[in-house]
């Protein structure tokens, strides 16, 4: 699994021959915190059973997941309350702007079409952050419980800027 993820291609060999296929993709995954889908304090499963459930995801796969976000449980009144967040159109505009910025950034680079395809040198060149932004990133990583992938977090900051901090009234 590691080689196709890192090289962006997969090679399949059979008696009749060998074929190589592109395999560049973005994995988006979700997982319940317990086998029964309940929060840790509400589950009927034992801590050992929960640990076994969580360990079903292999270490090498977990190592390649750059951004992890824990979503808190919502109360019924929060789900049914009037939504005051961004509209889909606003989010789409932000994504389109980020993609346009990436196209401009990587114009003329044959193997790089988006931030996910940058190598280390390109990452350092295009995603350098000043001290105040690094401090904001540190706070966001702690508050939003982002993974320890500083590379992914820096890229997020570079694309979208400082992220809104959730609070009791605006958790999403």
N, C-alpha and C. Protein backbone atom coordinates (compact mmCIF):
# COMPACT_ATOMS: atom_id res chain seq x y z
N UNK A 1 0.83 -1.20 0.00
CA UNK A 1 0.00 0.00 0.00
C UNK A 1 0.87 1.26 0.00
N UNK A 2 1.98 1.22 0.70
CA UNK A 2 2.82 2.41 0.81
C UNK A 2 3.37 2.89 -0.52
N UNK A 3 3.85 1.99 -1.33
CA UNK A 3 4.45 2.38 -2.61
C UNK A 3 3.45 3.08 -3.54
N UNK A 4 2.24 2.54 -3.75
CA UNK A 4 1.30 3.27 -4.61
C UNK A 4 0.95 4.65 -4.06
N UNK A 5 0.83 4.77 -2.74
CA UNK A 5 0.51 6.07 -2.14
C UNK A 5 1.64 7.07 -2.36
N UNK A 6 2.87 6.63 -2.18
CA UNK A 6 4.00 7.54 -2.27
C UNK A 6 4.43 7.84 -3.69
N UNK A 7 4.36 6.85 -4.57
CA UNK A 7 4.83 7.04 -5.94
C UNK A 7 3.72 7.47 -6.90
N UNK A 8 2.48 7.33 -6.50
CA UNK A 8 1.37 7.74 -7.36
C UNK A 8 1.09 6.78 -8.49
N UNK A 9 1.54 5.55 -8.35
CA UNK A 9 1.24 4.53 -9.36
C UNK A 9 1.31 3.16 -8.70
N UNK A 10 0.61 2.21 -9.30
CA UNK A 10 0.60 0.84 -8.81
C UNK A 10 0.95 -0.08 -9.97
N UNK A 11 1.79 -1.06 -9.70
CA UNK A 11 2.20 -2.01 -10.73
C UNK A 11 1.66 -3.38 -10.36
N UNK A 12 0.99 -4.00 -11.31
CA UNK A 12 0.42 -5.33 -11.10
C UNK A 12 1.14 -6.28 -12.05
N UNK A 13 1.72 -7.33 -11.48
CA UNK A 13 2.45 -8.32 -12.27
C UNK A 13 1.72 -9.65 -12.24
N UNK A 14 1.51 -10.21 -13.39
CA UNK A 14 0.90 -11.53 -13.55
C UNK A 14 1.74 -12.30 -14.57
N UNK A 15 1.41 -13.56 -14.75
CA UNK A 15 2.16 -14.41 -15.68
C UNK A 15 2.15 -13.84 -17.10
N UNK A 16 1.04 -13.20 -17.47
CA UNK A 16 0.89 -12.68 -18.83
C UNK A 16 1.64 -11.37 -19.04
N UNK A 17 2.06 -10.71 -17.95
CA UNK A 17 2.77 -9.45 -18.11
C UNK A 17 2.61 -8.53 -16.91
N UNK A 18 3.16 -7.35 -17.06
CA UNK A 18 3.13 -6.35 -16.00
C UNK A 18 2.46 -5.08 -16.53
N UNK A 19 1.58 -4.53 -15.72
CA UNK A 19 0.90 -3.28 -16.09
C UNK A 19 1.07 -2.27 -14.95
N UNK A 20 1.28 -1.01 -15.31
CA UNK A 20 1.38 0.05 -14.32
C UNK A 20 0.23 1.02 -14.53
N UNK A 21 -0.44 1.38 -13.44
CA UNK A 21 -1.59 2.26 -13.48
C UNK A 21 -1.38 3.46 -12.55
N UNK A 22 -1.94 4.61 -12.90
CA UNK A 22 -1.86 5.76 -11.98
C UNK A 22 -2.71 5.48 -10.74
N UNK A 23 -2.25 5.99 -9.61
CA UNK A 23 -3.03 5.79 -8.38
C UNK A 23 -2.95 7.01 -7.46
N UNK A 24 -3.09 8.17 -8.04
CA UNK A 24 -3.09 9.39 -7.23
C UNK A 24 -4.52 9.65 -6.77
N UNK A 25 -4.70 9.74 -5.47
CA UNK A 25 -6.03 9.96 -4.93
C UNK A 25 -5.94 10.64 -3.59
N UNK A 26 -7.07 11.14 -3.14
CA UNK A 26 -7.17 11.73 -1.81
C UNK A 26 -8.11 10.83 -1.01
N UNK A 27 -7.61 10.29 0.07
CA UNK A 27 -8.41 9.44 0.92
C UNK A 27 -9.11 10.30 1.97
N UNK A 28 -10.42 10.18 2.03
CA UNK A 28 -11.21 10.83 3.08
C UNK A 28 -11.93 9.69 3.80
N UNK A 29 -11.70 9.57 5.09
CA UNK A 29 -12.26 8.45 5.85
C UNK A 29 -12.92 8.94 7.12
N UNK A 30 -13.81 8.13 7.63
CA UNK A 30 -14.46 8.42 8.90
C UNK A 30 -14.54 7.13 9.69
N UNK A 31 -14.50 7.27 10.99
CA UNK A 31 -14.56 6.09 11.86
C UNK A 31 -15.26 6.45 13.15
N UNK A 32 -16.10 5.58 13.63
CA UNK A 32 -16.75 5.79 14.92
C UNK A 32 -15.73 5.60 16.04
N UNK A 33 -15.93 6.26 17.18
CA UNK A 33 -14.98 6.11 18.28
C UNK A 33 -15.07 4.75 18.98
N UNK A 34 -16.20 4.05 18.81
CA UNK A 34 -16.39 2.73 19.41
C UNK A 34 -17.11 1.83 18.41
N UNK A 35 -17.07 0.51 18.61
CA UNK A 35 -17.74 -0.39 17.67
C UNK A 35 -19.24 -0.17 17.54
N UNK A 36 -19.88 0.31 18.60
CA UNK A 36 -21.33 0.53 18.51
C UNK A 36 -21.70 1.95 18.09
N UNK A 37 -20.69 2.77 17.75
CA UNK A 37 -20.94 4.11 17.24
C UNK A 37 -21.22 5.15 18.30
N UNK A 38 -21.11 4.78 19.57
CA UNK A 38 -21.37 5.73 20.65
C UNK A 38 -20.07 6.37 21.11
N UNK A 39 -20.21 7.46 21.85
CA UNK A 39 -19.04 8.12 22.40
C UNK A 39 -18.44 7.23 23.49
N UNK A 40 -17.18 7.49 23.84
CA UNK A 40 -16.46 6.61 24.77
C UNK A 40 -17.21 6.40 26.08
N UNK A 41 -17.73 7.44 26.69
CA UNK A 41 -18.41 7.30 27.97
C UNK A 41 -19.77 6.64 27.89
N UNK A 42 -20.32 6.51 26.69
CA UNK A 42 -21.68 5.96 26.53
C UNK A 42 -21.69 4.54 25.99
N UNK A 43 -20.56 4.06 25.54
CA UNK A 43 -20.49 2.75 24.88
C UNK A 43 -20.59 1.61 25.90
N UNK A 44 -21.18 0.51 25.46
CA UNK A 44 -21.27 -0.67 26.31
C UNK A 44 -20.03 -1.56 26.19
N UNK A 45 -19.13 -1.20 25.26
CA UNK A 45 -17.94 -1.99 25.01
C UNK A 45 -16.86 -1.69 26.05
N UNK A 46 -16.06 -2.70 26.37
CA UNK A 46 -14.99 -2.53 27.35
C UNK A 46 -13.83 -1.75 26.72
N UNK A 47 -12.99 -1.12 27.54
CA UNK A 47 -11.83 -0.41 26.99
C UNK A 47 -10.96 -1.30 26.11
N UNK A 48 -10.81 -2.56 26.48
CA UNK A 48 -9.99 -3.50 25.69
C UNK A 48 -10.62 -3.74 24.31
N UNK A 49 -11.95 -3.93 24.29
CA UNK A 49 -12.64 -4.15 23.01
C UNK A 49 -12.57 -2.90 22.13
N UNK A 50 -12.67 -1.73 22.74
CA UNK A 50 -12.57 -0.48 21.98
C UNK A 50 -11.16 -0.35 21.41
N UNK A 51 -10.16 -0.67 22.21
CA UNK A 51 -8.77 -0.60 21.73
C UNK A 51 -8.56 -1.55 20.56
N UNK A 52 -9.08 -2.77 20.66
CA UNK A 52 -8.97 -3.73 19.55
C UNK A 52 -9.65 -3.20 18.30
N UNK A 53 -10.81 -2.58 18.47
CA UNK A 53 -11.55 -1.99 17.34
C UNK A 53 -10.71 -0.89 16.68
N UNK A 54 -10.16 0.01 17.48
CA UNK A 54 -9.37 1.12 16.93
C UNK A 54 -8.08 0.63 16.28
N UNK A 55 -7.54 -0.48 16.76
CA UNK A 55 -6.30 -1.03 16.20
C UNK A 55 -6.51 -1.78 14.89
N UNK A 56 -7.76 -1.87 14.43
CA UNK A 56 -8.01 -2.51 13.14
C UNK A 56 -7.43 -1.71 11.98
N UNK A 57 -7.22 -0.42 12.19
CA UNK A 57 -6.58 0.40 11.16
C UNK A 57 -5.08 0.24 11.33
N UNK A 58 -4.40 -0.17 10.28
CA UNK A 58 -2.97 -0.47 10.39
C UNK A 58 -2.14 0.80 10.61
N UNK A 59 -1.03 0.63 11.29
CA UNK A 59 -0.11 1.74 11.55
C UNK A 59 0.37 2.42 10.28
N UNK A 60 0.80 1.67 9.26
CA UNK A 60 1.26 2.31 8.02
C UNK A 60 0.18 3.17 7.36
N UNK A 61 -1.07 2.73 7.42
CA UNK A 61 -2.15 3.53 6.85
C UNK A 61 -2.37 4.79 7.70
N UNK A 62 -2.40 4.64 9.02
CA UNK A 62 -2.56 5.79 9.90
C UNK A 62 -1.44 6.81 9.70
N UNK A 63 -0.23 6.33 9.46
CA UNK A 63 0.91 7.24 9.24
C UNK A 63 0.73 8.11 8.02
N UNK A 64 -0.08 7.68 7.08
CA UNK A 64 -0.27 8.43 5.84
C UNK A 64 -1.51 9.32 5.87
N UNK A 65 -2.23 9.31 6.97
CA UNK A 65 -3.38 10.20 7.12
C UNK A 65 -2.86 11.49 7.74
N UNK A 66 -2.89 12.56 6.96
CA UNK A 66 -2.26 13.81 7.38
C UNK A 66 -3.12 14.65 8.31
N UNK A 67 -4.40 14.66 8.12
CA UNK A 67 -5.27 15.51 8.92
C UNK A 67 -6.31 14.63 9.60
N UNK A 68 -6.34 14.70 10.92
CA UNK A 68 -7.33 13.96 11.70
C UNK A 68 -8.10 14.96 12.54
N UNK A 69 -9.39 14.87 12.48
CA UNK A 69 -10.23 15.80 13.24
C UNK A 69 -11.23 14.98 14.04
N UNK A 70 -11.27 15.20 15.34
CA UNK A 70 -12.25 14.55 16.19
C UNK A 70 -13.52 15.39 16.18
N UNK A 71 -14.63 14.76 15.86
CA UNK A 71 -15.90 15.48 15.82
C UNK A 71 -16.65 15.17 17.11
N UNK A 72 -16.96 16.18 17.89
CA UNK A 72 -17.66 15.92 19.17
C UNK A 72 -19.10 15.50 18.94
N UNK A 73 -19.67 14.88 19.96
CA UNK A 73 -21.09 14.51 19.88
C UNK A 73 -21.94 15.77 19.89
N UNK A 74 -23.03 15.75 19.14
CA UNK A 74 -23.94 16.88 19.09
C UNK A 74 -25.19 16.54 19.90
N UNK A 75 -25.72 17.53 20.55
CA UNK A 75 -26.99 17.37 21.24
C UNK A 75 -28.11 17.67 20.24
N UNK A 76 -29.29 17.14 20.46
CA UNK A 76 -30.41 17.31 19.54
C UNK A 76 -30.67 18.78 19.25
N UNK A 77 -30.64 19.63 20.28
CA UNK A 77 -30.94 21.05 20.07
C UNK A 77 -29.88 21.71 19.17
N UNK A 78 -28.65 21.21 19.20
CA UNK A 78 -27.60 21.76 18.34
C UNK A 78 -27.84 21.36 16.89
N UNK A 79 -28.33 20.15 16.69
CA UNK A 79 -28.57 19.66 15.33
C UNK A 79 -29.75 20.38 14.70
N UNK A 80 -30.77 20.66 15.52
CA UNK A 80 -31.99 21.26 14.99
C UNK A 80 -31.97 22.79 15.02
N UNK A 81 -30.95 23.39 15.63
CA UNK A 81 -30.88 24.85 15.70
C UNK A 81 -30.59 25.42 14.31
N UNK A 82 -30.91 26.69 14.14
CA UNK A 82 -30.65 27.35 12.87
C UNK A 82 -29.15 27.42 12.62
N UNK A 83 -28.74 27.04 11.42
CA UNK A 83 -27.33 27.03 11.05
C UNK A 83 -26.86 28.44 10.72
N UNK A 84 -25.76 28.86 11.34
CA UNK A 84 -25.25 30.20 11.08
C UNK A 84 -23.87 30.17 10.44
N UNK A 85 -23.42 28.98 10.03
CA UNK A 85 -22.10 28.85 9.43
C UNK A 85 -22.09 29.25 7.96
N UNK A 86 -21.01 28.93 7.30
CA UNK A 86 -20.86 29.25 5.88
C UNK A 86 -21.83 28.43 5.03
N UNK A 87 -22.22 28.99 3.93
CA UNK A 87 -23.05 28.26 2.97
C UNK A 87 -22.14 27.41 2.09
N UNK A 88 -22.73 26.46 1.41
CA UNK A 88 -21.96 25.63 0.47
C UNK A 88 -21.32 26.49 -0.61
N UNK A 89 -22.02 27.51 -1.06
CA UNK A 89 -21.48 28.40 -2.10
C UNK A 89 -20.24 29.14 -1.58
N UNK A 90 -20.26 29.57 -0.33
CA UNK A 90 -19.10 30.26 0.24
C UNK A 90 -17.90 29.31 0.35
N UNK A 91 -18.16 28.11 0.78
CA UNK A 91 -17.09 27.12 0.90
C UNK A 91 -16.55 26.78 -0.48
N UNK A 92 -17.45 26.61 -1.45
CA UNK A 92 -17.03 26.32 -2.82
C UNK A 92 -16.13 27.42 -3.36
N UNK A 93 -16.49 28.67 -3.11
CA UNK A 93 -15.68 29.79 -3.59
C UNK A 93 -14.28 29.75 -2.98
N UNK A 94 -14.19 29.41 -1.71
CA UNK A 94 -12.89 29.31 -1.06
C UNK A 94 -12.05 28.19 -1.67
N UNK A 95 -12.69 27.07 -1.96
CA UNK A 95 -11.98 25.94 -2.58
C UNK A 95 -11.54 26.31 -3.99
N UNK A 96 -12.41 26.93 -4.77
CA UNK A 96 -12.07 27.34 -6.14
C UNK A 96 -10.89 28.32 -6.11
N UNK A 97 -10.90 29.25 -5.17
CA UNK A 97 -9.80 30.21 -5.04
C UNK A 97 -8.50 29.49 -4.72
N UNK A 98 -8.56 28.53 -3.79
CA UNK A 98 -7.36 27.77 -3.43
C UNK A 98 -6.84 26.97 -4.61
N UNK A 99 -7.73 26.35 -5.37
CA UNK A 99 -7.31 25.57 -6.54
C UNK A 99 -6.69 26.47 -7.60
N UNK A 100 -7.28 27.66 -7.82
CA UNK A 100 -6.73 28.61 -8.77
C UNK A 100 -5.31 29.02 -8.34
N UNK A 101 -5.15 29.29 -7.07
CA UNK A 101 -3.84 29.67 -6.53
C UNK A 101 -2.82 28.55 -6.77
N UNK A 102 -3.25 27.31 -6.60
CA UNK A 102 -2.36 26.18 -6.84
C UNK A 102 -1.99 26.07 -8.31
N UNK A 103 -2.95 26.27 -9.19
CA UNK A 103 -2.67 26.20 -10.63
C UNK A 103 -1.63 27.25 -11.02
N UNK A 104 -1.78 28.45 -10.49
CA UNK A 104 -0.81 29.52 -10.77
C UNK A 104 0.56 29.17 -10.20
N UNK A 105 0.57 28.68 -8.98
CA UNK A 105 1.81 28.34 -8.30
C UNK A 105 2.60 27.28 -9.06
N UNK A 106 1.90 26.29 -9.60
CA UNK A 106 2.58 25.15 -10.21
C UNK A 106 2.56 25.19 -11.73
N UNK A 107 2.23 26.33 -12.32
CA UNK A 107 2.27 26.46 -13.77
C UNK A 107 3.69 26.15 -14.25
N UNK A 108 3.81 25.28 -15.21
CA UNK A 108 5.12 24.92 -15.74
C UNK A 108 5.77 23.74 -15.03
N UNK A 109 5.20 23.29 -13.94
CA UNK A 109 5.73 22.11 -13.24
C UNK A 109 4.91 20.91 -13.69
N UNK A 110 5.54 20.01 -14.39
CA UNK A 110 4.84 18.91 -15.03
C UNK A 110 4.20 17.93 -14.05
N UNK A 111 4.90 17.59 -12.98
CA UNK A 111 4.42 16.55 -12.07
C UNK A 111 3.67 17.08 -10.86
N UNK A 112 3.53 18.40 -10.76
CA UNK A 112 2.86 18.97 -9.60
C UNK A 112 1.65 19.76 -10.08
N UNK A 113 0.47 19.30 -9.65
CA UNK A 113 -0.76 19.99 -10.04
C UNK A 113 -1.50 20.57 -8.85
N UNK A 114 -1.15 20.12 -7.66
CA UNK A 114 -1.79 20.61 -6.44
C UNK A 114 -0.85 20.44 -5.26
N UNK A 115 -1.20 21.01 -4.13
CA UNK A 115 -0.34 20.95 -2.96
C UNK A 115 0.02 19.53 -2.55
N UNK A 116 -0.90 18.59 -2.73
CA UNK A 116 -0.66 17.21 -2.32
C UNK A 116 0.49 16.57 -3.09
N UNK A 117 0.84 17.09 -4.24
CA UNK A 117 1.90 16.50 -5.07
C UNK A 117 3.26 17.17 -4.87
N UNK A 118 3.36 18.12 -3.96
CA UNK A 118 4.64 18.80 -3.73
C UNK A 118 5.64 17.85 -3.06
N UNK A 119 6.91 17.99 -3.44
CA UNK A 119 7.95 17.29 -2.71
C UNK A 119 8.46 18.22 -1.60
N UNK A 120 9.44 17.77 -0.84
CA UNK A 120 9.92 18.53 0.32
C UNK A 120 10.45 19.90 -0.06
N UNK A 121 11.23 19.98 -1.13
CA UNK A 121 11.81 21.28 -1.51
C UNK A 121 10.73 22.26 -1.95
N UNK A 122 9.75 21.78 -2.71
CA UNK A 122 8.65 22.66 -3.13
C UNK A 122 7.82 23.09 -1.93
N UNK A 123 7.63 22.16 -1.01
CA UNK A 123 6.86 22.49 0.19
C UNK A 123 7.54 23.61 0.98
N UNK A 124 8.84 23.49 1.17
CA UNK A 124 9.58 24.52 1.92
C UNK A 124 9.54 25.86 1.18
N UNK A 125 9.61 25.82 -0.13
CA UNK A 125 9.61 27.06 -0.92
C UNK A 125 8.25 27.74 -0.93
N UNK A 126 7.18 26.97 -1.08
CA UNK A 126 5.85 27.55 -1.26
C UNK A 126 5.05 27.73 0.03
N UNK A 127 5.42 27.03 1.09
CA UNK A 127 4.60 27.06 2.31
C UNK A 127 5.36 27.59 3.52
N UNK A 128 6.29 28.48 3.29
CA UNK A 128 7.01 29.08 4.42
C UNK A 128 6.05 29.99 5.19
N UNK A 129 6.12 29.92 6.52
CA UNK A 129 5.24 30.70 7.37
C UNK A 129 6.06 31.61 8.29
N UNK A 130 5.53 32.80 8.56
CA UNK A 130 6.23 33.70 9.48
C UNK A 130 5.94 33.28 10.93
N UNK A 131 6.63 33.91 11.88
CA UNK A 131 6.52 33.51 13.29
C UNK A 131 5.11 33.63 13.84
N UNK A 132 4.41 34.72 13.52
CA UNK A 132 3.06 34.88 14.07
C UNK A 132 2.11 33.83 13.51
N UNK A 133 2.28 33.47 12.24
CA UNK A 133 1.43 32.45 11.64
C UNK A 133 1.75 31.08 12.24
N UNK A 134 3.03 30.82 12.50
CA UNK A 134 3.40 29.56 13.15
C UNK A 134 2.77 29.46 14.54
N UNK A 135 2.71 30.57 15.26
CA UNK A 135 2.08 30.57 16.59
C UNK A 135 0.58 30.31 16.47
N UNK A 136 -0.07 30.92 15.46
CA UNK A 136 -1.49 30.66 15.23
C UNK A 136 -1.72 29.20 14.86
N UNK A 137 -0.82 28.64 14.06
CA UNK A 137 -0.91 27.24 13.68
C UNK A 137 -0.80 26.34 14.91
N UNK A 138 0.11 26.66 15.79
CA UNK A 138 0.29 25.88 17.02
C UNK A 138 -1.01 25.88 17.84
N UNK A 139 -1.63 27.04 17.97
CA UNK A 139 -2.89 27.15 18.72
C UNK A 139 -4.01 26.38 18.02
N UNK A 140 -4.08 26.49 16.70
CA UNK A 140 -5.13 25.79 15.95
C UNK A 140 -4.97 24.28 16.06
N UNK A 141 -3.73 23.80 15.98
CA UNK A 141 -3.49 22.36 16.09
C UNK A 141 -3.97 21.85 17.45
N UNK A 142 -3.71 22.63 18.50
CA UNK A 142 -4.12 22.21 19.84
C UNK A 142 -5.64 22.28 19.98
N UNK A 143 -6.22 23.37 19.54
CA UNK A 143 -7.66 23.59 19.73
C UNK A 143 -8.52 22.69 18.85
N UNK A 144 -8.11 22.50 17.60
CA UNK A 144 -8.88 21.69 16.67
C UNK A 144 -8.49 20.22 16.68
N UNK A 145 -7.50 19.89 17.51
CA UNK A 145 -7.01 18.52 17.64
C UNK A 145 -6.58 17.94 16.29
N UNK A 146 -5.85 18.75 15.52
CA UNK A 146 -5.32 18.27 14.25
C UNK A 146 -4.21 17.27 14.51
N UNK A 147 -3.90 16.44 13.55
CA UNK A 147 -2.82 15.47 13.71
C UNK A 147 -1.51 16.23 13.85
N UNK A 148 -0.48 15.50 14.19
CA UNK A 148 0.83 16.12 14.36
C UNK A 148 1.56 16.32 13.04
N UNK A 149 0.87 16.16 11.94
CA UNK A 149 1.50 16.38 10.66
C UNK A 149 1.63 17.88 10.43
N UNK A 150 2.76 18.42 10.80
CA UNK A 150 2.99 19.86 10.64
C UNK A 150 2.92 20.23 9.17
N UNK A 151 3.32 19.31 8.30
CA UNK A 151 3.27 19.59 6.86
C UNK A 151 1.85 19.81 6.40
N UNK A 152 0.95 18.92 6.78
CA UNK A 152 -0.44 19.06 6.38
C UNK A 152 -1.05 20.32 6.99
N UNK A 153 -0.75 20.56 8.24
CA UNK A 153 -1.31 21.73 8.91
C UNK A 153 -0.79 23.02 8.29
N UNK A 154 0.50 23.05 7.94
CA UNK A 154 1.06 24.24 7.29
C UNK A 154 0.39 24.45 5.94
N UNK A 155 0.18 23.36 5.22
CA UNK A 155 -0.47 23.49 3.91
C UNK A 155 -1.89 24.04 4.07
N UNK A 156 -2.62 23.56 5.08
CA UNK A 156 -3.96 24.08 5.32
C UNK A 156 -3.92 25.57 5.62
N UNK A 157 -2.98 25.99 6.46
CA UNK A 157 -2.87 27.40 6.78
C UNK A 157 -2.52 28.21 5.54
N UNK A 158 -1.66 27.65 4.69
CA UNK A 158 -1.24 28.37 3.50
C UNK A 158 -2.41 28.55 2.53
N UNK A 159 -3.27 27.53 2.45
CA UNK A 159 -4.40 27.59 1.52
C UNK A 159 -5.50 28.48 2.06
N UNK A 160 -5.91 28.24 3.30
CA UNK A 160 -7.10 28.91 3.83
C UNK A 160 -6.81 30.01 4.83
N UNK A 161 -5.60 30.11 5.31
CA UNK A 161 -5.32 31.08 6.35
C UNK A 161 -5.78 30.54 7.69
N UNK A 162 -5.74 31.36 8.72
CA UNK A 162 -6.16 30.88 10.04
C UNK A 162 -7.59 30.34 10.01
N UNK A 163 -7.76 29.19 10.65
CA UNK A 163 -9.06 28.54 10.67
C UNK A 163 -9.91 29.10 11.79
N UNK A 164 -11.22 29.14 11.61
CA UNK A 164 -12.08 29.60 12.71
C UNK A 164 -11.99 28.64 13.88
N UNK A 165 -11.92 29.18 15.08
CA UNK A 165 -11.82 28.36 16.28
C UNK A 165 -13.23 28.01 16.76
N UNK A 166 -13.50 26.70 16.97
CA UNK A 166 -14.83 26.35 17.44
C UNK A 166 -15.02 26.77 18.89
N UNK A 167 -16.24 27.08 19.24
CA UNK A 167 -16.58 27.35 20.63
C UNK A 167 -17.92 26.69 20.90
N UNK A 168 -18.43 26.86 22.09
CA UNK A 168 -19.66 26.16 22.47
C UNK A 168 -20.82 26.50 21.52
N UNK A 169 -20.86 27.73 21.03
CA UNK A 169 -21.98 28.15 20.17
C UNK A 169 -21.76 27.79 18.71
N UNK A 170 -20.52 27.54 18.31
CA UNK A 170 -20.21 27.34 16.89
C UNK A 170 -19.31 26.14 16.71
N UNK A 171 -19.78 24.96 17.02
CA UNK A 171 -19.01 23.75 16.84
C UNK A 171 -19.47 23.07 15.56
N UNK A 172 -18.52 22.74 14.70
CA UNK A 172 -18.89 22.10 13.44
C UNK A 172 -17.98 20.96 13.10
